Full PDB file with SEQRES, HELIX, SHEET, SSBOND, CRYST1, ORIGX, SCALE, CONECT and MASTER records, all heavy atoms in Angstrom:
SEQRES   1 A   38  VAL ARG VAL VAL HIS GLY PRO HIS GLU GLU ARG ASP GLU          
SEQRES   2 A   38  SER GLY SER TYR TYR ARG THR VAL GLY SER GLU MET VAL          
SEQRES   3 A   38  HIS ASP ALA THR PRO ALA LYS MET LYS THR HIS VAL              
HELIX    1 AA1 PRO A   31  HIS A   37  1                                   7    
SHEET    1 AA1 2 ARG A   2  HIS A   5  0                                        
SHEET    2 AA1 2 ARG A  19  SER A  23 -1                                        
CRYST1    1.000    1.000    1.000  90.00  90.00  90.00 P 1           1          
ORIGX1      1.000000  0.000000  0.000000        0.00000                         
ORIGX2      0.000000  1.000000  0.000000        0.00000                         
ORIGX3      0.000000  0.000000  1.000000        0.00000                         
SCALE1      1.000000  0.000000  0.000000        0.00000                         
SCALE2      0.000000  1.000000  0.000000        0.00000                         
SCALE3      0.000000  0.000000  1.000000        0.00000                         
ATOM      1  N   VAL A   1      -5.737  -3.661  -2.972  1.00  0.00           N  
ATOM      2  CA  VAL A   1      -5.203  -3.060  -1.750  1.00  0.00           C  
ATOM      3  C   VAL A   1      -3.672  -2.977  -1.875  1.00  0.00           C  
ATOM      4  O   VAL A   1      -3.014  -3.959  -2.252  1.00  0.00           O  
ATOM      5  CB  VAL A   1      -5.569  -3.908  -0.523  1.00  0.00           C  
ATOM      6  CG1 VAL A   1      -5.006  -3.307   0.746  1.00  0.00           C  
ATOM      7  CG2 VAL A   1      -7.074  -4.077  -0.417  1.00  0.00           C  
ATOM      8  N   ARG A   2      -3.131  -1.799  -1.570  1.00  0.00           N  
ATOM      9  CA  ARG A   2      -1.671  -1.596  -1.546  1.00  0.00           C  
ATOM     10  C   ARG A   2      -1.290  -1.048  -0.198  1.00  0.00           C  
ATOM     11  O   ARG A   2      -1.996  -0.213   0.371  1.00  0.00           O  
ATOM     12  CB  ARG A   2      -1.225  -0.595  -2.627  1.00  0.00           C  
ATOM     13  CG  ARG A   2      -1.340  -1.123  -4.026  1.00  0.00           C  
ATOM     14  CD  ARG A   2      -0.774  -0.136  -5.066  1.00  0.00           C  
ATOM     15  NE  ARG A   2      -1.036   1.247  -4.725  1.00  0.00           N  
ATOM     16  CZ  ARG A   2      -0.094   2.211  -4.744  1.00  0.00           C  
ATOM     17  NH1 ARG A   2       1.124   1.919  -5.095  1.00  0.00           N  
ATOM     18  NH2 ARG A   2      -0.402   3.444  -4.452  1.00  0.00           N  
ATOM     19  N   VAL A   3      -0.100  -1.447   0.271  1.00  0.00           N  
ATOM     20  CA  VAL A   3       0.461  -0.903   1.510  1.00  0.00           C  
ATOM     21  C   VAL A   3       1.791  -0.256   1.122  1.00  0.00           C  
ATOM     22  O   VAL A   3       2.630  -0.904   0.485  1.00  0.00           O  
ATOM     23  CB  VAL A   3       0.666  -1.982   2.583  1.00  0.00           C  
ATOM     24  CG1 VAL A   3       1.278  -1.372   3.825  1.00  0.00           C  
ATOM     25  CG2 VAL A   3      -0.664  -2.633   2.895  1.00  0.00           C  
ATOM     26  N   VAL A   4       1.955   1.011   1.528  1.00  0.00           N  
ATOM     27  CA  VAL A   4       3.098   1.792   1.166  1.00  0.00           C  
ATOM     28  C   VAL A   4       3.748   2.378   2.408  1.00  0.00           C  
ATOM     29  O   VAL A   4       3.077   2.900   3.275  1.00  0.00           O  
ATOM     30  CB  VAL A   4       2.716   2.940   0.176  1.00  0.00           C  
ATOM     31  CG1 VAL A   4       3.905   3.816  -0.171  1.00  0.00           C  
ATOM     32  CG2 VAL A   4       2.069   2.371  -1.082  1.00  0.00           C  
ATOM     33  N   HIS A   5       5.097   2.304   2.486  1.00  0.00           N  
ATOM     34  CA  HIS A   5       5.866   2.982   3.497  1.00  0.00           C  
ATOM     35  C   HIS A   5       6.460   4.253   2.886  1.00  0.00           C  
ATOM     36  O   HIS A   5       6.955   4.230   1.767  1.00  0.00           O  
ATOM     37  CB  HIS A   5       7.050   2.128   3.969  1.00  0.00           C  
ATOM     38  CG  HIS A   5       6.682   0.995   4.858  1.00  0.00           C  
ATOM     39  ND1 HIS A   5       7.614   0.215   5.439  1.00  0.00           N  
ATOM     40  CD2 HIS A   5       5.489   0.492   5.243  1.00  0.00           C  
ATOM     41  CE1 HIS A   5       7.037  -0.724   6.163  1.00  0.00           C  
ATOM     42  NE2 HIS A   5       5.741  -0.580   6.033  1.00  0.00           N  
ATOM     43  N   GLY A   6       6.434   5.336   3.596  1.00  0.00           N  
ATOM     44  CA  GLY A   6       7.103   6.524   3.116  1.00  0.00           C  
ATOM     45  C   GLY A   6       6.453   7.822   3.597  1.00  0.00           C  
ATOM     46  O   GLY A   6       5.345   7.750   4.187  1.00  0.00           O  
ATOM     47  N   PRO A   7       7.088   8.913   3.383  1.00  0.00           N  
ATOM     48  CA  PRO A   7       8.362   9.016   2.720  1.00  0.00           C  
ATOM     49  C   PRO A   7       9.524   8.579   3.611  1.00  0.00           C  
ATOM     50  O   PRO A   7       9.473   8.677   4.799  1.00  0.00           O  
ATOM     51  CB  PRO A   7       8.481  10.467   2.347  1.00  0.00           C  
ATOM     52  CG  PRO A   7       7.678  11.175   3.404  1.00  0.00           C  
ATOM     53  CD  PRO A   7       6.560  10.238   3.760  1.00  0.00           C  
ATOM     54  N   HIS A   8      10.587   8.101   2.961  1.00  0.00           N  
ATOM     55  CA  HIS A   8      11.853   7.771   3.629  1.00  0.00           C  
ATOM     56  C   HIS A   8      12.792   8.950   3.485  1.00  0.00           C  
ATOM     57  O   HIS A   8      12.563   9.870   2.681  1.00  0.00           O  
ATOM     58  CB  HIS A   8      12.495   6.539   2.971  1.00  0.00           C  
ATOM     59  CG  HIS A   8      11.781   5.258   3.262  1.00  0.00           C  
ATOM     60  ND1 HIS A   8      12.096   4.459   4.332  1.00  0.00           N  
ATOM     61  CD2 HIS A   8      10.743   4.637   2.636  1.00  0.00           C  
ATOM     62  CE1 HIS A   8      11.299   3.425   4.353  1.00  0.00           C  
ATOM     63  NE2 HIS A   8      10.455   3.499   3.323  1.00  0.00           N  
ATOM     64  N   GLU A   9      13.850   8.977   4.246  1.00  0.00           N  
ATOM     65  CA  GLU A   9      14.830  10.045   4.170  1.00  0.00           C  
ATOM     66  C   GLU A   9      15.629  10.030   2.889  1.00  0.00           C  
ATOM     67  O   GLU A   9      16.064  11.039   2.385  1.00  0.00           O  
ATOM     68  CB  GLU A   9      15.815   9.962   5.357  1.00  0.00           C  
ATOM     69  CG  GLU A   9      15.165  10.192   6.697  1.00  0.00           C  
ATOM     70  CD  GLU A   9      14.617  11.611   6.888  1.00  0.00           C  
ATOM     71  OE1 GLU A   9      15.209  12.541   6.317  1.00  0.00           O  
ATOM     72  OE2 GLU A   9      13.597  11.759   7.583  1.00  0.00           O  
ATOM     73  N   GLU A  10      15.843   8.829   2.316  1.00  0.00           N  
ATOM     74  CA  GLU A  10      16.625   8.674   1.107  1.00  0.00           C  
ATOM     75  C   GLU A  10      15.798   7.969   0.030  1.00  0.00           C  
ATOM     76  O   GLU A  10      14.911   7.168   0.314  1.00  0.00           O  
ATOM     77  CB  GLU A  10      17.872   7.859   1.396  1.00  0.00           C  
ATOM     78  CG  GLU A  10      18.799   8.557   2.390  1.00  0.00           C  
ATOM     79  CD  GLU A  10      20.018   7.703   2.711  1.00  0.00           C  
ATOM     80  OE1 GLU A  10      20.181   6.618   2.110  1.00  0.00           O  
ATOM     81  OE2 GLU A  10      20.798   8.143   3.548  1.00  0.00           O  
ATOM     82  N   ARG A  11      16.144   8.232  -1.208  1.00  0.00           N  
ATOM     83  CA  ARG A  11      15.471   7.606  -2.354  1.00  0.00           C  
ATOM     84  C   ARG A  11      15.954   6.149  -2.492  1.00  0.00           C  
ATOM     85  O   ARG A  11      17.100   5.867  -2.138  1.00  0.00           O  
ATOM     86  CB  ARG A  11      15.775   8.339  -3.637  1.00  0.00           C  
ATOM     87  CG  ARG A  11      15.174   9.715  -3.692  1.00  0.00           C  
ATOM     88  CD  ARG A  11      15.618  10.411  -4.969  1.00  0.00           C  
ATOM     89  NE  ARG A  11      15.260  11.811  -4.910  1.00  0.00           N  
ATOM     90  CZ  ARG A  11      14.443  12.379  -5.762  1.00  0.00           C  
ATOM     91  NH1 ARG A  11      13.925  11.719  -6.758  1.00  0.00           N  
ATOM     92  NH2 ARG A  11      14.169  13.680  -5.645  1.00  0.00           N  
ATOM     93  N   ASP A  12      15.104   5.318  -3.061  1.00  0.00           N  
ATOM     94  CA  ASP A  12      15.535   3.959  -3.353  1.00  0.00           C  
ATOM     95  C   ASP A  12      16.164   3.918  -4.743  1.00  0.00           C  
ATOM     96  O   ASP A  12      16.366   4.945  -5.357  1.00  0.00           O  
ATOM     97  CB  ASP A  12      14.350   2.959  -3.228  1.00  0.00           C  
ATOM     98  CG  ASP A  12      13.258   3.211  -4.226  1.00  0.00           C  
ATOM     99  OD1 ASP A  12      13.423   4.030  -5.164  1.00  0.00           O  
ATOM    100  OD2 ASP A  12      12.187   2.570  -4.083  1.00  0.00           O  
ATOM    101  N   GLU A  13      16.475   2.692  -5.233  1.00  0.00           N  
ATOM    102  CA  GLU A  13      17.165   2.579  -6.513  1.00  0.00           C  
ATOM    103  C   GLU A  13      16.353   3.079  -7.678  1.00  0.00           C  
ATOM    104  O   GLU A  13      16.893   3.465  -8.713  1.00  0.00           O  
ATOM    105  CB  GLU A  13      17.572   1.112  -6.772  1.00  0.00           C  
ATOM    106  CG  GLU A  13      16.472   0.109  -6.762  1.00  0.00           C  
ATOM    107  CD  GLU A  13      16.076  -0.357  -5.369  1.00  0.00           C  
ATOM    108  OE1 GLU A  13      16.722  -0.066  -4.374  1.00  0.00           O  
ATOM    109  OE2 GLU A  13      15.010  -1.036  -5.287  1.00  0.00           O  
ATOM    110  N   SER A  14      15.021   3.175  -7.524  1.00  0.00           N  
ATOM    111  CA  SER A  14      14.198   3.707  -8.613  1.00  0.00           C  
ATOM    112  C   SER A  14      14.017   5.238  -8.508  1.00  0.00           C  
ATOM    113  O   SER A  14      13.382   5.827  -9.340  1.00  0.00           O  
ATOM    114  CB  SER A  14      12.810   3.035  -8.612  1.00  0.00           C  
ATOM    115  OG  SER A  14      12.071   3.456  -7.476  1.00  0.00           O  
ATOM    116  N   GLY A  15      14.554   5.826  -7.427  1.00  0.00           N  
ATOM    117  CA  GLY A  15      14.459   7.272  -7.255  1.00  0.00           C  
ATOM    118  C   GLY A  15      13.242   7.718  -6.432  1.00  0.00           C  
ATOM    119  O   GLY A  15      12.970   8.905  -6.340  1.00  0.00           O  
ATOM    120  N   SER A  16      12.527   6.784  -5.823  1.00  0.00           N  
ATOM    121  CA  SER A  16      11.339   7.120  -5.071  1.00  0.00           C  
ATOM    122  C   SER A  16      11.606   7.172  -3.571  1.00  0.00           C  
ATOM    123  O   SER A  16      12.439   6.417  -3.041  1.00  0.00           O  
ATOM    124  CB  SER A  16      10.240   6.095  -5.337  1.00  0.00           C  
ATOM    125  OG  SER A  16       9.109   6.375  -4.575  1.00  0.00           O  
ATOM    126  N   TYR A  17      10.906   8.043  -2.888  1.00  0.00           N  
ATOM    127  CA  TYR A  17      10.960   8.095  -1.426  1.00  0.00           C  
ATOM    128  C   TYR A  17       9.954   7.144  -0.792  1.00  0.00           C  
ATOM    129  O   TYR A  17       9.918   6.976   0.405  1.00  0.00           O  
ATOM    130  CB  TYR A  17      10.660   9.507  -0.937  1.00  0.00           C  
ATOM    131  CG  TYR A  17      11.754  10.494  -1.214  1.00  0.00           C  
ATOM    132  CD1 TYR A  17      11.630  11.413  -2.270  1.00  0.00           C  
ATOM    133  CD2 TYR A  17      12.932  10.517  -0.470  1.00  0.00           C  
ATOM    134  CE1 TYR A  17      12.633  12.339  -2.527  1.00  0.00           C  
ATOM    135  CE2 TYR A  17      13.935  11.398  -0.715  1.00  0.00           C  
ATOM    136  CZ  TYR A  17      13.799  12.324  -1.730  1.00  0.00           C  
ATOM    137  OH  TYR A  17      14.779  13.223  -1.979  1.00  0.00           O  
ATOM    138  N   TYR A  18       9.100   6.534  -1.596  1.00  0.00           N  
ATOM    139  CA  TYR A  18       8.047   5.621  -1.142  1.00  0.00           C  
ATOM    140  C   TYR A  18       8.321   4.211  -1.576  1.00  0.00           C  
ATOM    141  O   TYR A  18       8.886   3.973  -2.644  1.00  0.00           O  
ATOM    142  CB  TYR A  18       6.690   6.075  -1.684  1.00  0.00           C  
ATOM    143  CG  TYR A  18       6.271   7.426  -1.167  1.00  0.00           C  
ATOM    144  CD1 TYR A  18       6.703   8.571  -1.809  1.00  0.00           C  
ATOM    145  CD2 TYR A  18       5.507   7.560  -0.022  1.00  0.00           C  
ATOM    146  CE1 TYR A  18       6.351   9.828  -1.319  1.00  0.00           C  
ATOM    147  CE2 TYR A  18       5.141   8.787   0.463  1.00  0.00           C  
ATOM    148  CZ  TYR A  18       5.569   9.935  -0.196  1.00  0.00           C  
ATOM    149  OH  TYR A  18       5.234  11.149   0.297  1.00  0.00           O  
ATOM    150  N   ARG A  19       7.925   3.221  -0.767  1.00  0.00           N  
ATOM    151  CA  ARG A  19       8.134   1.819  -1.116  1.00  0.00           C  
ATOM    152  C   ARG A  19       6.834   1.039  -0.909  1.00  0.00           C  
ATOM    153  O   ARG A  19       6.257   1.067   0.197  1.00  0.00           O  
ATOM    154  CB  ARG A  19       9.224   1.220  -0.227  1.00  0.00           C  
ATOM    155  CG  ARG A  19      10.574   1.839  -0.553  1.00  0.00           C  
ATOM    156  CD  ARG A  19      11.659   1.331   0.383  1.00  0.00           C  
ATOM    157  NE  ARG A  19      12.907   1.996   0.130  1.00  0.00           N  
ATOM    158  CZ  ARG A  19      13.293   3.138   0.697  1.00  0.00           C  
ATOM    159  NH1 ARG A  19      12.522   3.748   1.536  1.00  0.00           N  
ATOM    160  NH2 ARG A  19      14.466   3.677   0.416  1.00  0.00           N  
ATOM    161  N   THR A  20       6.398   0.358  -1.936  1.00  0.00           N  
ATOM    162  CA  THR A  20       5.241  -0.514  -1.822  1.00  0.00           C  
ATOM    163  C   THR A  20       5.707  -1.809  -1.119  1.00  0.00           C  
ATOM    164  O   THR A  20       6.624  -2.449  -1.616  1.00  0.00           O  
ATOM    165  CB  THR A  20       4.618  -0.842  -3.194  1.00  0.00           C  
ATOM    166  OG1 THR A  20       4.209   0.385  -3.786  1.00  0.00           O  
ATOM    167  CG2 THR A  20       3.451  -1.771  -3.078  1.00  0.00           C  
ATOM    168  N   VAL A  21       5.109  -2.122   0.003  1.00  0.00           N  
ATOM    169  CA  VAL A  21       5.524  -3.303   0.748  1.00  0.00           C  
ATOM    170  C   VAL A  21       4.549  -4.445   0.656  1.00  0.00           C  
ATOM    171  O   VAL A  21       4.827  -5.539   1.144  1.00  0.00           O  
ATOM    172  CB  VAL A  21       5.806  -2.940   2.238  1.00  0.00           C  
ATOM    173  CG1 VAL A  21       6.916  -1.986   2.373  1.00  0.00           C  
ATOM    174  CG2 VAL A  21       4.554  -2.389   2.898  1.00  0.00           C  
ATOM    175  N   GLY A  22       3.407  -4.208   0.027  1.00  0.00           N  
ATOM    176  CA  GLY A  22       2.451  -5.287  -0.151  1.00  0.00           C  
ATOM    177  C   GLY A  22       1.296  -4.881  -1.031  1.00  0.00           C  
ATOM    178  O   GLY A  22       0.952  -3.703  -1.092  1.00  0.00           O  
ATOM    179  N   SER A  23       0.718  -5.850  -1.705  1.00  0.00           N  
ATOM    180  CA  SER A  23      -0.486  -5.579  -2.500  1.00  0.00           C  
ATOM    181  C   SER A  23      -1.277  -6.884  -2.588  1.00  0.00           C  
ATOM    182  O   SER A  23      -0.699  -7.976  -2.505  1.00  0.00           O  
ATOM    183  CB  SER A  23      -0.166  -5.026  -3.872  1.00  0.00           C  
ATOM    184  OG  SER A  23       0.539  -5.990  -4.630  1.00  0.00           O  
ATOM    185  N   GLU A  24      -2.566  -6.750  -2.719  1.00  0.00           N  
ATOM    186  CA  GLU A  24      -3.441  -7.941  -2.835  1.00  0.00           C  
ATOM    187  C   GLU A  24      -4.755  -7.539  -3.472  1.00  0.00           C  
ATOM    188  O   GLU A  24      -5.141  -6.412  -3.480  1.00  0.00           O  
ATOM    189  CB  GLU A  24      -3.714  -8.540  -1.450  1.00  0.00           C  
ATOM    190  CG  GLU A  24      -4.512  -7.610  -0.544  1.00  0.00           C  
ATOM    191  CD  GLU A  24      -4.896  -8.222   0.777  1.00  0.00           C  
ATOM    192  OE1 GLU A  24      -5.252  -9.396   0.825  1.00  0.00           O  
ATOM    193  OE2 GLU A  24      -4.824  -7.483   1.775  1.00  0.00           O  
ATOM    194  N   MET A  25      -5.408  -8.529  -4.037  1.00  0.00           N  
ATOM    195  CA  MET A  25      -6.762  -8.377  -4.540  1.00  0.00           C  
ATOM    196  C   MET A  25      -7.724  -8.946  -3.499  1.00  0.00           C  
ATOM    197  O   MET A  25      -7.456  -9.977  -2.928  1.00  0.00           O  
ATOM    198  CB  MET A  25      -6.963  -9.126  -5.848  1.00  0.00           C  
ATOM    199  CG  MET A  25      -6.323  -8.475  -7.057  1.00  0.00           C  
ATOM    200  SD  MET A  25      -7.056  -6.923  -7.513  1.00  0.00           S  
ATOM    201  CE  MET A  25      -8.725  -7.407  -7.946  1.00  0.00           C  
ATOM    202  N   VAL A  26      -8.787  -8.224  -3.234  1.00  0.00           N  
ATOM    203  CA  VAL A  26      -9.833  -8.703  -2.327  1.00  0.00           C  
ATOM    204  C   VAL A  26     -11.109  -8.807  -3.154  1.00  0.00           C  
ATOM    205  O   VAL A  26     -11.557  -7.848  -3.788  1.00  0.00           O  
ATOM    206  CB  VAL A  26     -10.024  -7.747  -1.141  1.00  0.00           C  
ATOM    207  CG1 VAL A  26     -11.163  -8.217  -0.252  1.00  0.00           C  
ATOM    208  CG2 VAL A  26      -8.739  -7.621  -0.347  1.00  0.00           C  
ATOM    209  N   HIS A  27     -11.717  -9.995  -3.130  1.00  0.00           N  
ATOM    210  CA  HIS A  27     -12.913 -10.261  -3.938  1.00  0.00           C  
ATOM    211  C   HIS A  27     -14.125 -10.316  -3.042  1.00  0.00           C  
ATOM    212  O   HIS A  27     -14.065 -10.714  -1.872  1.00  0.00           O  
ATOM    213  CB  HIS A  27     -12.769 -11.565  -4.708  1.00  0.00           C  
ATOM    214  CG  HIS A  27     -11.575 -11.575  -5.631  1.00  0.00           C  
ATOM    215  ND1 HIS A  27     -11.558 -10.883  -6.811  1.00  0.00           N  
ATOM    216  CD2 HIS A  27     -10.359 -12.156  -5.525  1.00  0.00           C  
ATOM    217  CE1 HIS A  27     -10.379 -11.070  -7.404  1.00  0.00           C  
ATOM    218  NE2 HIS A  27      -9.649 -11.839  -6.630  1.00  0.00           N  
ATOM    219  N   ASP A  28     -15.245  -9.924  -3.600  1.00  0.00           N  
ATOM    220  CA  ASP A  28     -16.567 -10.025  -2.970  1.00  0.00           C  
ATOM    221  C   ASP A  28     -16.591  -9.309  -1.621  1.00  0.00           C  
ATOM    222  O   ASP A  28     -16.969  -9.881  -0.600  1.00  0.00           O  
ATOM    223  CB  ASP A  28     -16.953 -11.486  -2.816  1.00  0.00           C  
ATOM    224  CG  ASP A  28     -18.460 -11.646  -2.582  1.00  0.00           C  
ATOM    225  OD1 ASP A  28     -19.227 -10.816  -3.116  1.00  0.00           O  
ATOM    226  OD2 ASP A  28     -18.835 -12.554  -1.836  1.00  0.00           O  
ATOM    227  N   ALA A  29     -16.202  -8.029  -1.612  1.00  0.00           N  
ATOM    228  CA  ALA A  29     -16.181  -7.258  -0.362  1.00  0.00           C  
ATOM    229  C   ALA A  29     -17.008  -5.972  -0.504  1.00  0.00           C  
ATOM    230  O   ALA A  29     -16.975  -5.334  -1.556  1.00  0.00           O  
ATOM    231  CB  ALA A  29     -14.753  -6.914   0.043  1.00  0.00           C  
ATOM    232  N   THR A  30     -17.706  -5.640   0.537  1.00  0.00           N  
ATOM    233  CA  THR A  30     -18.474  -4.383   0.570  1.00  0.00           C  
ATOM    234  C   THR A  30     -17.560  -3.229   0.973  1.00  0.00           C  
ATOM    235  O   THR A  30     -16.499  -3.468   1.555  1.00  0.00           O  
ATOM    236  CB  THR A  30     -19.621  -4.503   1.562  1.00  0.00           C  
ATOM    237  OG1 THR A  30     -19.039  -4.644   2.883  1.00  0.00           O  
ATOM    238  CG2 THR A  30     -20.556  -5.634   1.244  1.00  0.00           C  
ATOM    239  N   PRO A  31     -17.952  -1.998   0.733  1.00  0.00           N  
ATOM    240  CA  PRO A  31     -17.168  -0.859   1.204  1.00  0.00           C  
ATOM    241  C   PRO A  31     -16.936  -0.871   2.718  1.00  0.00           C  
ATOM    242  O   PRO A  31     -15.855  -0.585   3.194  1.00  0.00           O  
ATOM    243  CB  PRO A  31     -17.987   0.343   0.782  1.00  0.00           C  
ATOM    244  CG  PRO A  31     -18.688  -0.112  -0.469  1.00  0.00           C  
ATOM    245  CD  PRO A  31     -19.030  -1.543  -0.163  1.00  0.00           C  
ATOM    246  N   ALA A  32     -17.930  -1.299   3.488  1.00  0.00           N  
ATOM    247  CA  ALA A  32     -17.785  -1.377   4.939  1.00  0.00           C  
ATOM    248  C   ALA A  32     -16.712  -2.384   5.341  1.00  0.00           C  
ATOM    249  O   ALA A  32     -15.898  -2.142   6.233  1.00  0.00           O  
ATOM    250  CB  ALA A  32     -19.110  -1.725   5.578  1.00  0.00           C  
ATOM    251  N   LYS A  33     -16.667  -3.532   4.669  1.00  0.00           N  
ATOM    252  CA  LYS A  33     -15.629  -4.516   4.940  1.00  0.00           C  
ATOM    253  C   LYS A  33     -14.250  -3.974   4.584  1.00  0.00           C  
ATOM    254  O   LYS A  33     -13.243  -4.267   5.274  1.00  0.00           O  
ATOM    255  CB  LYS A  33     -15.901  -5.811   4.180  1.00  0.00           C  
ATOM    256  CG  LYS A  33     -17.015  -6.653   4.772  1.00  0.00           C  
ATOM    257  CD  LYS A  33     -17.153  -7.942   4.022  1.00  0.00           C  
ATOM    258  CE  LYS A  33     -18.283  -8.773   4.582  1.00  0.00           C  
ATOM    259  NZ  LYS A  33     -18.487 -10.055   3.872  1.00  0.00           N  
ATOM    260  N   MET A  34     -14.173  -3.197   3.525  1.00  0.00           N  
ATOM    261  CA  MET A  34     -12.885  -2.679   3.073  1.00  0.00           C  
ATOM    262  C   MET A  34     -12.357  -1.612   4.053  1.00  0.00           C  
ATOM    263  O   MET A  34     -11.144  -1.492   4.237  1.00  0.00           O  
ATOM    264  CB  MET A  34     -12.961  -2.124   1.669  1.00  0.00           C  
ATOM    265  CG  MET A  34     -13.142  -3.199   0.621  1.00  0.00           C  
ATOM    266  SD  MET A  34     -12.058  -4.647   0.829  1.00  0.00           S  
ATOM    267  CE  MET A  34     -10.461  -3.905   0.649  1.00  0.00           C  
ATOM    268  N   LYS A  35     -13.238  -0.879   4.708  1.00  0.00           N  
ATOM    269  CA  LYS A  35     -12.800   0.077   5.697  1.00  0.00           C  
ATOM    270  C   LYS A  35     -12.054  -0.654   6.809  1.00  0.00           C  
ATOM    271  O   LYS A  35     -10.946  -0.240   7.235  1.00  0.00           O  
ATOM    272  CB  LYS A  35     -14.000   0.819   6.268  1.00  0.00           C  
ATOM    273  CG  LYS A  35     -13.616   1.810   7.330  1.00  0.00           C  
ATOM    274  CD  LYS A  35     -14.825   2.554   7.873  1.00  0.00           C  
ATOM    275  CE  LYS A  35     -14.430   3.577   8.940  1.00  0.00           C  
ATOM    276  NZ  LYS A  35     -15.586   4.250   9.478  1.00  0.00           N  
ATOM    277  N   THR A  36     -12.587  -1.718   7.296  1.00  0.00           N  
ATOM    278  CA  THR A  36     -11.965  -2.539   8.325  1.00  0.00           C  
ATOM    279  C   THR A  36     -10.681  -3.183   7.785  1.00  0.00           C  
ATOM    280  O   THR A  36      -9.661  -3.212   8.462  1.00  0.00           O  
ATOM    281  CB  THR A  36     -12.919  -3.626   8.791  1.00  0.00           C  
ATOM    282  OG1 THR A  36     -14.099  -3.024   9.292  1.00  0.00           O  
ATOM    283  CG2 THR A  36     -12.301  -4.497   9.882  1.00  0.00           C  
ATOM    284  N   HIS A  37     -10.715  -3.628   6.538  1.00  0.00           N  
ATOM    285  CA  HIS A  37      -9.560  -4.291   5.935  1.00  0.00           C  
ATOM    286  C   HIS A  37      -8.354  -3.352   5.824  1.00  0.00           C  
ATOM    287  O   HIS A  37      -7.218  -3.760   6.154  1.00  0.00           O  
ATOM    288  CB  HIS A  37      -9.951  -4.826   4.561  1.00  0.00           C  
ATOM    289  CG  HIS A  37      -8.885  -5.707   3.939  1.00  0.00           C  
ATOM    290  ND1 HIS A  37      -8.825  -7.060   4.182  1.00  0.00           N  
ATOM    291  CD2 HIS A  37      -7.856  -5.438   3.124  1.00  0.00           C  
ATOM    292  CE1 HIS A  37      -7.796  -7.566   3.545  1.00  0.00           C  
ATOM    293  NE2 HIS A  37      -7.189  -6.585   2.889  1.00  0.00           N  
ATOM    294  N   VAL A  38      -8.561  -2.110   5.370  1.00  0.00           N  
ATOM    295  CA  VAL A  38      -7.401  -1.209   5.236  1.00  0.00           C  
ATOM    296  C   VAL A  38      -6.854  -0.831   6.607  1.00  0.00           C  
ATOM    297  O   VAL A  38      -5.644  -0.662   6.779  1.00  0.00           O  
ATOM    298  CB  VAL A  38      -7.704   0.064   4.406  1.00  0.00           C  
ATOM    299  CG1 VAL A  38      -7.992  -0.296   2.973  1.00  0.00           C  
ATOM    300  CG2 VAL A  38      -8.753   0.920   4.973  1.00  0.00           C  
TER     301      VAL A  38                                                      
MASTER        0    0    0    1    2    0    0    6  300    1    0    3          
END                                                                             
């Protein structure tokens, strides 16, 4: 699972308008559970 903000008005130091603000692994989850999770 990744959470991204963007686009922003200005690029960041890497040149992207998007910023990943979080990521995680979720284990032992069904597609229905992931719908709720996202």
